[in-house]
Amino acid sequence: MTPFVFLHGFTGSPASWDGVAASLAGARPLRPALLGHGAVEAEDVRSFGDEVNRLAGAFPREPVHLAGYSLGARLALGIALAHPERVARLTLVSGQPGLADDALRAERRRADARWCELLETHGIERFVDAWEAQPLFLTQTKIKPELRARHRAERLGHDPNGLARSLRTVGLAEMPNFAPELACLRVPVVLLAGELDAKFSALGREMLGRVAHARLALAPNAGHDLLLEAPDLVARELTRQP
């Protein structure tokens, strides 16, 4: 079996993939922590490209089935483009290829700077309260309270300075725009998004039109975080034959 590598999202952790991994009988996926999350300091990582190279350097020798969610999806795409020999299959969950122009990049950088100020001035709990109140996550109110509580505890367990470093180093404003390079992907690609996540469903459709060997699957009645809202669907798509 092709080895799996799973990359979590911003404010998540390797445990974010637990619900998916539980449905992958016999598989033992590699689940690295991303920069700024947990104990990952990696002082030599100063750019999005540095983090791409750091993660790729920890992969098994043989090509992997690489899957990422949100921030993890953006990094997974970067790895597949920068190190194509390391990736046999690519699954992007609620991902996007980057920002198309400098105006959008500047707007996002200002927004991320406000998040960083909240993290560094008011601490992790105030930040998590505000982060979870975003419309992007409203669909999670349908999830079992114990699952939401576990997810919130995962977020609260982070160092606020680490999350701020993540935003400044590998946030959306700091990644290249990979859209022009999507046609270069030569491996099977699965794009996953929640049916109720209008923005990322649209991004999935746009990416589908640019990738030669891609398939798009929308999770019914689900929003942005499919690892939390639809782990069984993610597991099925990961094991489905290309």
C-alpha atoms as a PDB file:
ATOM      1  CA  MET A   1       0.000   0.000   0.000  1.00  0.00           C
ATOM      2  CA  THR A   2       1.191   3.511  -0.783  1.00  0.00           C
ATOM      3  CA  PRO A   3       2.089   5.148   2.542  1.00  0.00           C
ATOM      4  CA  PHE A   4      -0.124   7.997   3.713  1.00  0.00           C
ATOM      5  CA  VAL A   5       1.079  11.385   4.926  1.00  0.00           C
ATOM      6  CA  PHE A   6      -1.563  13.656   6.513  1.00  0.00           C
ATOM      7  CA  LEU A   7      -1.121  17.393   7.121  1.00  0.00           C
ATOM      8  CA  HIS A   8      -3.459  19.128   9.565  1.00  0.00           C
ATOM      9  CA  GLY A   9      -4.911  22.642   9.373  1.00  0.00           C
ATOM     10  CA  PHE A  10      -4.203  25.897  11.198  1.00  0.00           C
ATOM     11  CA  THR A  11      -4.954  25.550  14.951  1.00  0.00           C
ATOM     12  CA  GLY A  12      -5.180  21.766  14.469  1.00  0.00           C
ATOM     13  CA  SER A  13      -2.706  19.002  15.255  1.00  0.00           C
ATOM     14  CA  PRO A  14      -1.855  15.481  14.058  1.00  0.00           C
ATOM     15  CA  ALA A  15      -4.804  14.319  16.190  1.00  0.00           C
ATOM     16  CA  SER A  16      -7.142  16.232  13.855  1.00  0.00           C
ATOM     17  CA  TRP A  17      -6.899  13.219  11.538  1.00  0.00           C
ATOM     18  CA  ASP A  18      -7.913  10.677  14.219  1.00  0.00           C
ATOM     19  CA  GLY A  19     -11.476  10.271  12.922  1.00  0.00           C
ATOM     20  CA  VAL A  20     -10.205   9.622   9.390  1.00  0.00           C
ATOM     21  CA  ALA A  21      -7.306   7.361  10.422  1.00  0.00           C
ATOM     22  CA  ALA A  22      -9.654   5.179  12.474  1.00  0.00           C
ATOM     23  CA  SER A  23     -11.391   4.128   9.250  1.00  0.00           C
ATOM     24  CA  LEU A  24      -8.170   3.231   7.429  1.00  0.00           C
ATOM     25  CA  ALA A  25      -7.719  -0.359   8.520  1.00  0.00           C
ATOM     26  CA  GLY A  26      -4.089  -1.414   8.614  1.00  0.00           C
ATOM     27  CA  ALA A  27      -2.729   1.984   7.625  1.00  0.00           C
ATOM     28  CA  ARG A  28      -0.321   3.886   9.849  1.00  0.00           C
ATOM     29  CA  PRO A  29      -0.188   7.354   8.306  1.00  0.00           C
ATOM     30  CA  LEU A  30       2.643   9.744   9.031  1.00  0.00           C
ATOM     31  CA  ARG A  31       1.109  12.849  10.630  1.00  0.00           C
ATOM     32  CA  PRO A  32       3.701  15.577  11.196  1.00  0.00           C
ATOM     33  CA  ALA A  33       2.929  18.712  13.195  1.00  0.00           C
ATOM     34  CA  LEU A  34       3.142  21.933  11.217  1.00  0.00           C
ATOM     35  CA  LEU A  35       5.267  24.961  12.004  1.00  0.00           C
ATOM     36  CA  GLY A  36       4.009  26.851  15.057  1.00  0.00           C
ATOM     37  CA  HIS A  37       1.889  23.954  16.285  1.00  0.00           C
ATOM     38  CA  GLY A  38       2.884  21.879  19.273  1.00  0.00           C
ATOM     39  CA  ALA A  39       6.611  21.639  19.840  1.00  0.00           C
ATOM     40  CA  VAL A  40       7.588  22.523  16.283  1.00  0.00           C
ATOM     41  CA  GLU A  41       9.951  25.494  16.332  1.00  0.00           C
ATOM     42  CA  ALA A  42      12.213  24.879  13.292  1.00  0.00           C
ATOM     43  CA  GLU A  43      14.141  28.145  13.487  1.00  0.00           C
ATOM     44  CA  ASP A  44      15.482  27.605   9.964  1.00  0.00           C
ATOM     45  CA  VAL A  45      11.931  27.768   8.556  1.00  0.00           C
ATOM     46  CA  ARG A  46      11.461  31.368   7.492  1.00  0.00           C
ATOM     47  CA  SER A  47       9.135  31.025   4.507  1.00  0.00           C
ATOM     48  CA  PHE A  48       6.367  28.909   3.031  1.00  0.00           C
ATOM     49  CA  GLY A  49       8.949  27.215   0.805  1.00  0.00           C
ATOM     50  CA  ASP A  50      11.130  26.362   3.802  1.00  0.00           C
ATOM     51  CA  GLU A  51       8.195  24.595   5.474  1.00  0.00           C
ATOM     52  CA  VAL A  52       7.419  22.715   2.254  1.00  0.00           C
ATOM     53  CA  ASN A  53      11.007  21.467   2.150  1.00  0.00           C
ATOM     54  CA  ARG A  54      11.087  20.619   5.880  1.00  0.00           C
ATOM     55  CA  LEU A  55       7.966  18.482   5.612  1.00  0.00           C
ATOM     56  CA  ALA A  56       9.018  16.751   2.381  1.00  0.00           C
ATOM     57  CA  GLY A  57      12.338  15.875   3.970  1.00  0.00           C
ATOM     58  CA  ALA A  58      10.560  13.801   6.621  1.00  0.00           C
ATOM     59  CA  PHE A  59       8.608  11.648   4.136  1.00  0.00           C
ATOM     60  CA  PRO A  60       9.276   7.944   3.593  1.00  0.00           C
ATOM     61  CA  ARG A  61      11.613   7.067   0.744  1.00  0.00           C
ATOM     62  CA  GLU A  62       8.861   5.798  -1.533  1.00  0.00           C
ATOM     63  CA  PRO A  63       6.281   8.189  -3.061  1.00  0.00           C
ATOM     64  CA  VAL A  64       3.355   8.833  -0.714  1.00  0.00           C
ATOM     65  CA  HIS A  65      -0.361   9.489  -0.848  1.00  0.00           C
ATOM     66  CA  LEU A  66      -0.257  13.035   0.512  1.00  0.00           C
ATOM     67  CA  ALA A  67      -3.411  14.532   2.021  1.00  0.00           C
ATOM     68  CA  GLY A  68      -3.848  17.927   3.633  1.00  0.00           C
ATOM     69  CA  TYR A  69      -6.671  19.926   5.163  1.00  0.00           C
ATOM     70  CA  SER A  70      -6.911  23.739   4.741  1.00  0.00           C
ATOM     71  CA  LEU A  71      -3.409  25.063   5.604  1.00  0.00           C
ATOM     72  CA  GLY A  72      -2.236  21.463   5.271  1.00  0.00           C
ATOM     73  CA  ALA A  73      -3.809  21.296   1.814  1.00  0.00           C
ATOM     74  CA  ARG A  74      -1.927  24.404   0.705  1.00  0.00           C
ATOM     75  CA  LEU A  75       1.342  22.941   1.970  1.00  0.00           C
ATOM     76  CA  ALA A  76       0.534  19.578   0.364  1.00  0.00           C
ATOM     77  CA  LEU A  77       0.012  21.313  -2.975  1.00  0.00           C
ATOM     78  CA  GLY A  78       3.317  23.112  -2.565  1.00  0.00           C
ATOM     79  CA  ILE A  79       5.070  19.813  -1.824  1.00  0.00           C
ATOM     80  CA  ALA A  80       3.497  18.093  -4.848  1.00  0.00           C
ATOM     81  CA  LEU A  81       4.727  20.897  -7.120  1.00  0.00           C
ATOM     82  CA  ALA A  82       8.193  21.369  -5.589  1.00  0.00           C
ATOM     83  CA  HIS A  83       8.914  17.655  -4.970  1.00  0.00           C
ATOM     84  CA  PRO A  84       6.787  15.714  -7.492  1.00  0.00           C
ATOM     85  CA  GLU A  85       8.967  12.625  -7.101  1.00  0.00           C
ATOM     86  CA  ARG A  86       7.814  12.323  -3.453  1.00  0.00           C
ATOM     87  CA  VAL A  87       4.055  12.238  -4.203  1.00  0.00           C
ATOM     88  CA  ALA A  88       2.115   9.381  -5.827  1.00  0.00           C
ATOM     89  CA  ARG A  89      -1.379  10.723  -5.077  1.00  0.00           C
ATOM     90  CA  LEU A  90      -2.680  14.017  -3.737  1.00  0.00           C
ATOM     91  CA  THR A  91      -5.858  14.702  -1.742  1.00  0.00           C
ATOM     92  CA  LEU A  92      -6.718  18.312  -0.922  1.00  0.00           C
ATOM     93  CA  VAL A  93      -9.424  18.867   1.692  1.00  0.00           C
ATOM     94  CA  SER A  94     -10.840  22.408   1.718  1.00  0.00           C
ATOM     95  CA  GLY A  95      -7.789  23.722  -0.070  1.00  0.00           C
ATOM     96  CA  GLN A  96      -7.020  26.551  -2.415  1.00  0.00           C
ATOM     97  CA  PRO A  97      -4.116  27.334  -4.751  1.00  0.00           C
ATOM     98  CA  GLY A  98      -3.266  30.821  -3.475  1.00  0.00           C
ATOM     99  CA  LEU A  99      -4.189  34.457  -3.983  1.00  0.00           C
ATOM    100  CA  ALA A 100      -4.291  35.817  -7.507  1.00  0.00           C
ATOM    101  CA  ASP A 101      -3.089  39.408  -7.034  1.00  0.00           C
ATOM    102  CA  ASP A 102      -1.192  41.757  -4.745  1.00  0.00           C
ATOM    103  CA  ALA A 103      -4.327  43.547  -3.534  1.00  0.00           C
ATOM    104  CA  LEU A 104      -5.846  40.313  -2.197  1.00  0.00           C
ATOM    105  CA  ARG A 105      -2.514  39.376  -0.659  1.00  0.00           C
ATOM    106  CA  ALA A 106      -2.221  42.725   1.117  1.00  0.00           C
ATOM    107  CA  GLU A 107      -5.799  42.462   2.403  1.00  0.00           C
ATOM    108  CA  ARG A 108      -5.175  38.980   3.772  1.00  0.00           C
ATOM    109  CA  ARG A 109      -1.898  40.054   5.360  1.00  0.00           C
ATOM    110  CA  ARG A 110      -3.711  42.853   7.206  1.00  0.00           C
ATOM    111  CA  ALA A 111      -6.355  40.393   8.416  1.00  0.00           C
ATOM    112  CA  ASP A 112      -3.693  37.959   9.612  1.00  0.00           C
ATOM    113  CA  ALA A 113      -1.893  40.796  11.400  1.00  0.00           C
ATOM    114  CA  ARG A 114      -5.076  41.433  13.398  1.00  0.00           C
ATOM    115  CA  TRP A 115      -5.234  37.742  14.359  1.00  0.00           C
ATOM    116  CA  CYS A 116      -1.574  37.887  15.413  1.00  0.00           C
ATOM    117  CA  GLU A 117      -2.244  40.957  17.567  1.00  0.00           C
ATOM    118  CA  LEU A 118      -5.139  39.153  19.238  1.00  0.00           C
ATOM    119  CA  LEU A 119      -2.955  36.120  19.900  1.00  0.00           C
ATOM    120  CA  GLU A 120       0.002  38.058  21.263  1.00  0.00           C
ATOM    121  CA  THR A 121      -1.961  40.669  23.235  1.00  0.00           C
ATOM    122  CA  HIS A 122      -4.982  38.818  24.597  1.00  0.00           C
ATOM    123  CA  GLY A 123      -3.904  35.178  24.601  1.00  0.00           C
ATOM    124  CA  ILE A 124      -5.119  31.887  23.270  1.00  0.00           C
ATOM    125  CA  GLU A 125      -8.632  31.770  24.786  1.00  0.00           C
ATOM    126  CA  ARG A 126      -9.723  35.148  23.410  1.00  0.00           C
ATOM    127  CA  PHE A 127      -8.277  34.174  20.050  1.00  0.00           C
ATOM    128  CA  VAL A 128     -10.044  30.792  19.954  1.00  0.00           C
ATOM    129  CA  ASP A 129     -13.357  32.410  20.887  1.00  0.00           C
ATOM    130  CA  ALA A 130     -13.027  34.791  17.947  1.00  0.00           C
ATOM    131  CA  TRP A 131     -11.654  32.158  15.558  1.00  0.00           C
ATOM    132  CA  GLU A 132     -14.487  29.722  16.221  1.00  0.00           C
ATOM    133  CA  ALA A 133     -17.104  32.478  15.782  1.00  0.00           C
ATOM    134  CA  GLN A 134     -16.227  32.894  12.099  1.00  0.00           C
ATOM    135  CA  PRO A 135     -19.052  32.055   9.635  1.00  0.00           C
ATOM    136  CA  LEU A 136     -16.741  29.440   8.121  1.00  0.00           C
ATOM    137  CA  PHE A 137     -17.308  27.215  11.152  1.00  0.00           C
ATOM    138  CA  LEU A 138     -21.029  27.732  11.803  1.00  0.00           C
ATOM    139  CA  THR A 139     -21.907  24.306  10.412  1.00  0.00           C
ATOM    140  CA  GLN A 140     -20.016  22.708  13.305  1.00  0.00           C
ATOM    141  CA  THR A 141     -22.896  23.487  15.662  1.00  0.00           C
ATOM    142  CA  LYS A 142     -24.501  20.256  14.348  1.00  0.00           C
ATOM    143  CA  ILE A 143     -21.629  18.117  15.624  1.00  0.00           C
ATOM    144  CA  LYS A 144     -21.809  16.214  18.902  1.00  0.00           C
ATOM    145  CA  PRO A 145     -20.870  18.505  21.827  1.00  0.00           C
ATOM    146  CA  GLU A 146     -18.103  16.159  22.984  1.00  0.00           C
ATOM    147  CA  LEU A 147     -16.437  16.323  19.562  1.00  0.00           C
ATOM    148  CA  ARG A 148     -16.641  20.114  19.504  1.00  0.00           C
ATOM    149  CA  ALA A 149     -15.214  20.249  23.014  1.00  0.00           C
ATOM    150  CA  ARG A 150     -12.298  18.017  22.001  1.00  0.00           C
ATOM    151  CA  HIS A 151     -11.644  20.190  18.957  1.00  0.00           C
ATOM    152  CA  ARG A 152     -11.708  23.355  21.078  1.00  0.00           C
ATOM    153  CA  ALA A 153      -9.301  21.811  23.589  1.00  0.00           C
ATOM    154  CA  GLU A 154      -6.946  21.026  20.699  1.00  0.00           C
ATOM    155  CA  ARG A 155      -6.946  24.696  19.717  1.00  0.00           C
ATOM    156  CA  LEU A 156      -6.581  25.951  23.282  1.00  0.00           C
ATOM    157  CA  GLY A 157      -3.536  23.725  23.761  1.00  0.00           C
ATOM    158  CA  HIS A 158      -1.418  25.777  21.371  1.00  0.00           C
ATOM    159  CA  ASP A 159       1.118  28.457  22.203  1.00  0.00           C
ATOM    160  CA  PRO A 160      -0.305  31.768  20.924  1.00  0.00           C
ATOM    161  CA  ASN A 161       3.150  32.882  19.803  1.00  0.00           C
ATOM    162  CA  GLY A 162       3.510  29.696  17.767  1.00  0.00           C
ATOM    163  CA  LEU A 163       0.202  30.285  15.981  1.00  0.00           C
ATOM    164  CA  ALA A 164       1.210  33.873  15.253  1.00  0.00           C
ATOM    165  CA  ARG A 165       4.463  32.611  13.762  1.00  0.00           C
ATOM    166  CA  SER A 166       2.497  30.174  11.610  1.00  0.00           C
ATOM    167  CA  LEU A 167       0.346  32.990  10.199  1.00  0.00           C
ATOM    168  CA  ARG A 168       3.347  35.194   9.484  1.00  0.00           C
ATOM    169  CA  THR A 169       5.360  32.401   7.863  1.00  0.00           C
ATOM    170  CA  VAL A 170       2.960  30.025   6.101  1.00  0.00           C
ATOM    171  CA  GLY A 171      -0.358  31.899   6.128  1.00  0.00           C
ATOM    172  CA  LEU A 172      -2.341  32.303   2.932  1.00  0.00           C
ATOM    173  CA  ALA A 173      -0.784  35.716   2.266  1.00  0.00           C
ATOM    174  CA  GLU A 174       2.703  34.188   2.436  1.00  0.00           C
ATOM    175  CA  MET A 175       2.237  31.300  -0.015  1.00  0.00           C
ATOM    176  CA  PRO A 176       2.846  31.616  -3.758  1.00  0.00           C
ATOM    177  CA  ASN A 177      -0.086  31.612  -6.145  1.00  0.00           C
ATOM    178  CA  PHE A 178       0.035  28.037  -7.427  1.00  0.00           C
ATOM    179  CA  ALA A 179      -2.962  28.374  -9.763  1.00  0.00           C
ATOM    180  CA  PRO A 180      -0.814  28.772 -12.932  1.00  0.00           C
ATOM    181  CA  GLU A 181       1.121  25.609 -11.977  1.00  0.00           C
ATOM    182  CA  LEU A 182      -1.861  23.309 -11.391  1.00  0.00           C
ATOM    183  CA  ALA A 183      -1.650  22.001 -14.947  1.00  0.00           C
ATOM    184  CA  CYS A 184       1.837  20.668 -14.104  1.00  0.00           C
ATOM    185  CA  LEU A 185       0.418  18.088 -11.663  1.00  0.00           C
ATOM    186  CA  ARG A 186       0.756  14.610 -13.160  1.00  0.00           C
ATOM    187  CA  VAL A 187      -0.536  12.478 -10.279  1.00  0.00           C
ATOM    188  CA  PRO A 188      -4.162  11.633  -9.443  1.00  0.00           C
ATOM    189  CA  VAL A 189      -5.690  14.481  -7.434  1.00  0.00           C
ATOM    190  CA  VAL A 190      -8.846  14.373  -5.320  1.00  0.00           C
ATOM    191  CA  LEU A 191     -10.411  17.670  -4.290  1.00  0.00           C
ATOM    192  CA  LEU A 192     -12.767  17.552  -1.306  1.00  0.00           C
ATOM    193  CA  ALA A 193     -15.004  20.309   0.039  1.00  0.00           C
ATOM    194  CA  GLY A 194     -18.157  20.634   2.079  1.00  0.00           C
ATOM    195  CA  GLU A 195     -21.369  21.154   0.159  1.00  0.00           C
ATOM    196  CA  LEU A 196     -22.298  23.970   2.578  1.00  0.00           C
ATOM    197  CA  ASP A 197     -18.898  25.665   2.244  1.00  0.00           C
ATOM    198  CA  ALA A 198     -19.712  27.850  -0.766  1.00  0.00           C
ATOM    199  CA  LYS A 199     -16.274  29.467  -1.058  1.00  0.00           C
ATOM    200  CA  PHE A 200     -14.243  26.271  -1.004  1.00  0.00           C
ATOM    201  CA  SER A 201     -16.728  24.347  -3.144  1.00  0.00           C
ATOM    202  CA  ALA A 202     -16.247  27.058  -5.780  1.00  0.00           C
ATOM    203  CA  LEU A 203     -12.468  26.902  -5.372  1.00  0.00           C
ATOM    204  CA  GLY A 204     -12.644  23.129  -5.824  1.00  0.00           C
ATOM    205  CA  ARG A 205     -14.539  23.541  -9.088  1.00  0.00           C
ATOM    206  CA  GLU A 206     -12.010  26.107 -10.315  1.00  0.00           C
ATOM    207  CA  MET A 207      -9.100  23.813  -9.492  1.00  0.00           C
ATOM    208  CA  LEU A 208     -10.868  20.870 -11.127  1.00  0.00           C
ATOM    209  CA  GLY A 209     -10.778  22.723 -14.423  1.00  0.00           C
ATOM    210  CA  ARG A 210      -7.009  23.222 -14.196  1.00  0.00           C
ATOM    211  CA  VAL A 211      -5.788  19.763 -13.116  1.00  0.00           C
ATOM    212  CA  ALA A 212      -5.555  16.995 -15.719  1.00  0.00           C
ATOM    213  CA  HIS A 213      -6.180  13.996 -13.448  1.00  0.00           C
ATOM    214  CA  ALA A 214      -8.539  15.408 -10.831  1.00  0.00           C
ATOM    215  CA  ARG A 215     -11.851  14.483  -9.266  1.00  0.00           C
ATOM    216  CA  LEU A 216     -14.041  16.684  -7.062  1.00  0.00           C
ATOM    217  CA  ALA A 217     -16.197  15.289  -4.258  1.00  0.00           C
ATOM    218  CA  LEU A 218     -18.551  17.458  -2.192  1.00  0.00           C
ATOM    219  CA  ALA A 219     -19.565  16.258   1.275  1.00  0.00           C
ATOM    220  CA  PRO A 220     -23.347  16.579   1.752  1.00  0.00           C
ATOM    221  CA  ASN A 221     -24.555  18.783   4.619  1.00  0.00           C
ATOM    222  CA  ALA A 222     -20.978  19.596   5.666  1.00  0.00           C
ATOM    223  CA  GLY A 223     -18.961  22.777   5.920  1.00  0.00           C
ATOM    224  CA  HIS A 224     -15.272  23.584   5.929  1.00  0.00           C
ATOM    225  CA  ASP A 225     -13.689  21.112   8.373  1.00  0.00           C
ATOM    226  CA  LEU A 226     -14.369  17.723   6.809  1.00  0.00           C
ATOM    227  CA  LEU A 227     -11.950  16.005   9.208  1.00  0.00           C
ATOM    228  CA  LEU A 228     -14.432  16.893  11.932  1.00  0.00           C
ATOM    229  CA  GLU A 229     -17.726  16.964  10.029  1.00  0.00           C
ATOM    230  CA  ALA A 230     -17.317  14.132   7.503  1.00  0.00           C
ATOM    231  CA  PRO A 231     -14.337  11.902   8.438  1.00  0.00           C
ATOM    232  CA  ASP A 232     -15.937   8.763   6.956  1.00  0.00           C
ATOM    233  CA  LEU A 233     -16.300  10.436   3.562  1.00  0.00           C
ATOM    234  CA  VAL A 234     -12.668  11.592   3.668  1.00  0.00           C
ATOM    235  CA  ALA A 235     -11.558   8.039   4.522  1.00  0.00           C
ATOM    236  CA  ARG A 236     -13.614   6.576   1.656  1.00  0.00           C
ATOM    237  CA  GLU A 237     -12.121   9.019  -0.824  1.00  0.00           C
ATOM    238  CA  LEU A 238      -8.606   8.299   0.400  1.00  0.00           C
ATOM    239  CA  THR A 239      -9.021   4.576  -0.218  1.00  0.00           C
ATOM    240  CA  ARG A 240     -11.009   4.841  -3.446  1.00  0.00           C
ATOM    241  CA  GLN A 241      -9.104   3.673  -6.514  1.00  0.00           C
ATOM    242  CA  PRO A 242      -7.941   6.555  -8.759  1.00  0.00           C
END
